[in-house]
Amino acid sequence: MIDVKETLGNAEEKMEEAVMYLEETLAHIRAGKANVKILDGIRVDSYGSLVPLNQVAAVLAPDPRTITIKPWDKNMFRPIEKAIMDSNVGITPENNGEIIRLGIPPLTEERRKQLAKQCGKEGEQAKMSIRNTRREIIEKLKKSVKDGLSEDLEKDAEADMQKMHDKYIKKVDELLAAKEKEIMTV
């Protein structure tokens, strides 16, 4: 027989992970203002090995339209610029010998809509993950009735599962609404 509390706890953990993954993914989507997270995926060739950009330079966003990168080693300017150019960030770096600047261009209306659509797809992925978790747990609960779990306990657990599902779906919707507002704000 299954432990209902443990099963629901595992389900909540999976749902929480889906929401956390969505938060991380949304943070990497550019919203028209400087966000150093858009550079997180960039790997720089540092003396023969690929390392994250933030391990070879200080990455800051001094104002909403600029990201500055100050390499700790002067020899890293070229590899950092090359890594940024090769990435899908879509911003050309400017080097003045001291720091590398990335000017964040304002988003066009069309690009804003594309980004909002991309956020919607990411949100739908998170919702699917949450729904799948709910479905798996409910199936497990129904099977455990045959193994001796009382029907009342199963129905209560199912109701708890539905409440948990609704709570996490609401979190996803709130995250998406906030990100869409951020993207659409000029």
Protein backbone atom coordinates (compact mmCIF):
# COMPACT_ATOMS: atom_id res chain seq x y z
CA MET A 1 0.00 0.00 0.00
CA ILE A 2 1.27 3.49 -0.80
CA ASP A 3 1.95 6.28 1.68
CA VAL A 4 -0.51 9.00 0.63
CA LYS A 5 1.36 11.87 2.32
CA GLU A 6 4.65 10.86 0.74
CA THR A 7 3.02 10.47 -2.68
CA LEU A 8 1.41 13.93 -2.45
CA GLY A 9 4.71 15.37 -1.20
CA ASN A 10 6.54 13.94 -4.20
CA ALA A 11 3.88 15.36 -6.51
CA GLU A 12 4.20 18.80 -4.95
CA GLU A 13 7.98 18.62 -5.37
CA LYS A 14 7.59 17.83 -9.09
CA MET A 15 5.13 20.69 -9.55
CA GLU A 16 7.42 23.09 -7.69
CA GLU A 17 10.29 22.03 -9.97
CA ALA A 18 8.16 22.78 -13.04
CA VAL A 19 7.44 26.28 -11.73
CA MET A 20 11.11 26.87 -10.84
CA TYR A 21 12.18 25.74 -14.32
CA LEU A 22 9.67 28.13 -15.86
CA GLU A 23 10.99 31.01 -13.71
CA GLU A 24 14.53 30.25 -14.86
CA THR A 25 13.48 30.01 -18.51
CA LEU A 26 11.52 33.27 -18.38
CA ALA A 27 14.49 35.04 -16.79
CA HIS A 28 16.55 34.22 -19.89
CA ILE A 29 14.01 35.76 -22.25
CA ARG A 30 14.97 39.33 -23.07
CA ALA A 31 12.32 41.87 -22.14
CA GLY A 32 13.73 45.07 -23.62
CA LYS A 33 15.79 46.05 -20.64
CA ALA A 34 19.28 44.92 -19.69
CA ASN A 35 19.31 41.61 -17.84
CA VAL A 36 22.63 39.82 -17.30
CA LYS A 37 20.77 36.46 -17.30
CA ILE A 38 20.53 36.60 -21.10
CA LEU A 39 24.29 35.92 -21.14
CA ASP A 40 24.12 32.87 -18.81
CA GLY A 41 24.29 30.33 -21.64
CA ILE A 42 27.42 31.84 -23.20
CA ARG A 43 30.60 29.79 -22.87
CA VAL A 44 33.99 31.43 -23.48
CA ASP A 45 37.14 29.68 -24.67
CA SER A 46 39.51 30.30 -21.78
CA TYR A 47 42.92 28.73 -22.34
CA GLY A 48 41.52 25.71 -24.13
CA SER A 49 38.39 25.01 -22.08
CA LEU A 50 34.88 26.41 -22.38
CA VAL A 51 33.77 28.22 -19.21
CA PRO A 52 30.72 30.36 -18.40
CA LEU A 53 31.15 34.06 -19.20
CA ASN A 54 30.67 35.09 -15.56
CA GLN A 55 33.77 33.05 -14.60
CA VAL A 56 36.13 35.13 -16.76
CA ALA A 57 34.58 38.58 -16.36
CA ALA A 58 32.39 40.77 -14.19
CA VAL A 59 28.99 41.10 -15.90
CA LEU A 60 26.85 44.07 -14.82
CA ALA A 61 23.80 46.00 -15.98
CA PRO A 62 24.56 49.61 -14.97
CA ASP A 63 21.40 50.96 -16.63
CA PRO A 64 18.30 49.55 -18.38
CA ARG A 65 19.87 49.80 -21.85
CA THR A 66 23.44 48.53 -21.26
CA ILE A 67 25.28 45.42 -20.10
CA THR A 68 28.96 45.82 -19.32
CA ILE A 69 31.50 43.02 -19.26
CA LYS A 70 34.86 43.66 -17.60
CA PRO A 71 37.25 40.76 -18.23
CA TRP A 72 39.62 39.92 -15.39
CA ASP A 73 42.33 39.08 -17.92
CA LYS A 74 43.09 41.49 -20.81
CA ASN A 75 43.70 38.49 -23.11
CA MET A 76 40.02 37.53 -22.79
CA PHE A 77 38.55 40.44 -24.82
CA ARG A 78 38.70 38.59 -28.18
CA PRO A 79 37.34 35.24 -26.90
CA ILE A 80 34.49 37.00 -25.04
CA GLU A 81 33.53 39.06 -28.11
CA LYS A 82 33.68 35.95 -30.30
CA ALA A 83 31.50 33.97 -27.86
CA ILE A 84 28.89 36.76 -27.80
CA MET A 85 28.90 37.05 -31.60
CA ASP A 86 28.53 33.25 -31.98
CA SER A 87 25.67 33.09 -29.46
CA ASN A 88 22.02 33.72 -30.28
CA VAL A 89 21.84 36.87 -28.13
CA GLY A 90 21.73 39.03 -31.26
CA ILE A 91 23.68 41.98 -29.84
CA THR A 92 27.00 43.23 -31.22
CA PRO A 93 29.59 43.91 -28.51
CA GLU A 94 31.53 47.21 -28.41
CA ASN A 95 35.06 47.09 -26.98
CA ASN A 96 36.88 50.21 -25.72
CA GLY A 97 39.93 48.39 -24.38
CA GLU A 98 38.73 48.52 -20.76
CA ILE A 99 35.24 47.01 -20.89
CA ILE A 100 32.91 45.41 -23.42
CA ARG A 101 29.53 47.10 -23.76
CA LEU A 102 26.36 45.51 -25.05
CA GLY A 103 23.74 48.09 -26.03
CA ILE A 104 20.29 46.60 -25.57
CA PRO A 105 18.13 47.90 -28.41
CA PRO A 106 14.49 48.65 -27.68
CA LEU A 107 12.18 45.88 -28.83
CA THR A 108 9.90 46.39 -31.81
CA GLU A 109 6.19 45.69 -31.37
CA GLU A 110 6.51 42.59 -33.55
CA ARG A 111 9.44 41.27 -31.49
CA ARG A 112 7.51 41.92 -28.26
CA LYS A 113 4.64 39.80 -29.57
CA GLN A 114 7.06 37.01 -30.56
CA LEU A 115 8.62 37.04 -27.09
CA ALA A 116 5.19 36.99 -25.43
CA LYS A 117 4.27 34.01 -27.61
CA GLN A 118 7.53 32.25 -26.63
CA CYS A 119 6.72 32.86 -22.96
CA GLY A 120 3.25 31.40 -23.52
CA LYS A 121 4.77 28.24 -25.00
CA GLU A 122 7.14 27.88 -22.05
CA GLY A 123 4.21 28.38 -19.67
CA GLU A 124 2.20 25.73 -21.50
CA GLN A 125 5.11 23.29 -21.09
CA ALA A 126 5.11 23.93 -17.32
CA LYS A 127 1.33 23.46 -17.16
CA MET A 128 1.60 20.18 -19.07
CA SER A 129 4.21 18.97 -16.61
CA ILE A 130 1.94 19.88 -13.68
CA ARG A 131 -1.08 18.19 -15.30
CA ASN A 132 0.93 15.06 -16.07
CA THR A 133 2.06 14.85 -12.45
CA ARG A 134 -1.55 15.16 -11.28
CA ARG A 135 -2.69 12.47 -13.71
CA GLU A 136 0.10 10.07 -12.64
CA ILE A 137 -0.68 10.52 -8.94
CA ILE A 138 -4.43 10.08 -9.42
CA GLU A 139 -3.80 6.87 -11.40
CA LYS A 140 -1.47 5.65 -8.64
CA LEU A 141 -4.14 6.42 -6.03
CA LYS A 142 -6.84 4.56 -7.99
CA LYS A 143 -4.57 1.51 -8.34
CA SER A 144 -3.76 1.58 -4.62
CA VAL A 145 -7.50 1.24 -3.78
CA LYS A 146 -7.21 -2.30 -5.20
CA ASP A 147 -4.21 -2.82 -2.89
CA GLY A 148 -6.19 -1.93 0.22
CA LEU A 149 -6.31 1.89 0.39
CA SER A 150 -9.75 3.05 1.56
CA GLU A 151 -11.89 4.83 -1.02
CA ASP A 152 -12.48 7.76 1.36
CA LEU A 153 -8.73 8.25 1.75
CA GLU A 154 -8.30 8.00 -2.01
CA LYS A 155 -11.02 10.62 -2.64
CA ASP A 156 -9.51 12.97 -0.03
CA ALA A 157 -6.06 12.56 -1.58
CA GLU A 158 -7.51 13.21 -5.02
CA ALA A 159 -9.14 16.42 -3.75
CA ASP A 160 -5.83 17.50 -2.19
CA MET A 161 -4.07 16.71 -5.47
CA GLN A 162 -6.58 18.89 -7.36
CA LYS A 163 -6.04 21.79 -4.92
CA MET A 164 -2.28 21.46 -5.33
CA HIS A 165 -2.68 21.34 -9.13
CA ASP A 166 -4.81 24.49 -9.10
CA LYS A 167 -2.30 26.30 -6.86
CA TYR A 168 0.63 25.59 -9.19
CA ILE A 169 -1.32 26.36 -12.37
CA LYS A 170 -2.21 29.71 -10.77
CA LYS A 171 1.51 30.32 -10.02
CA VAL A 172 2.36 29.63 -13.67
CA ASP A 173 -0.36 32.03 -14.84
CA GLU A 174 0.94 34.74 -12.47
CA LEU A 175 4.52 34.29 -13.72
CA LEU A 176 3.36 34.50 -17.33
CA ALA A 177 1.24 37.59 -16.68
CA ALA A 178 4.15 39.36 -14.97
CA LYS A 179 6.59 38.47 -17.76
CA GLU A 180 4.14 39.48 -20.48
CA LYS A 181 3.59 42.82 -18.74
CA GLU A 182 7.38 43.29 -18.52
CA ILE A 183 7.79 42.49 -22.23
CA MET A 184 4.94 44.69 -23.41
CA THR A 185 5.99 47.70 -21.32
CA VAL A 186 7.77 50.13 -23.61
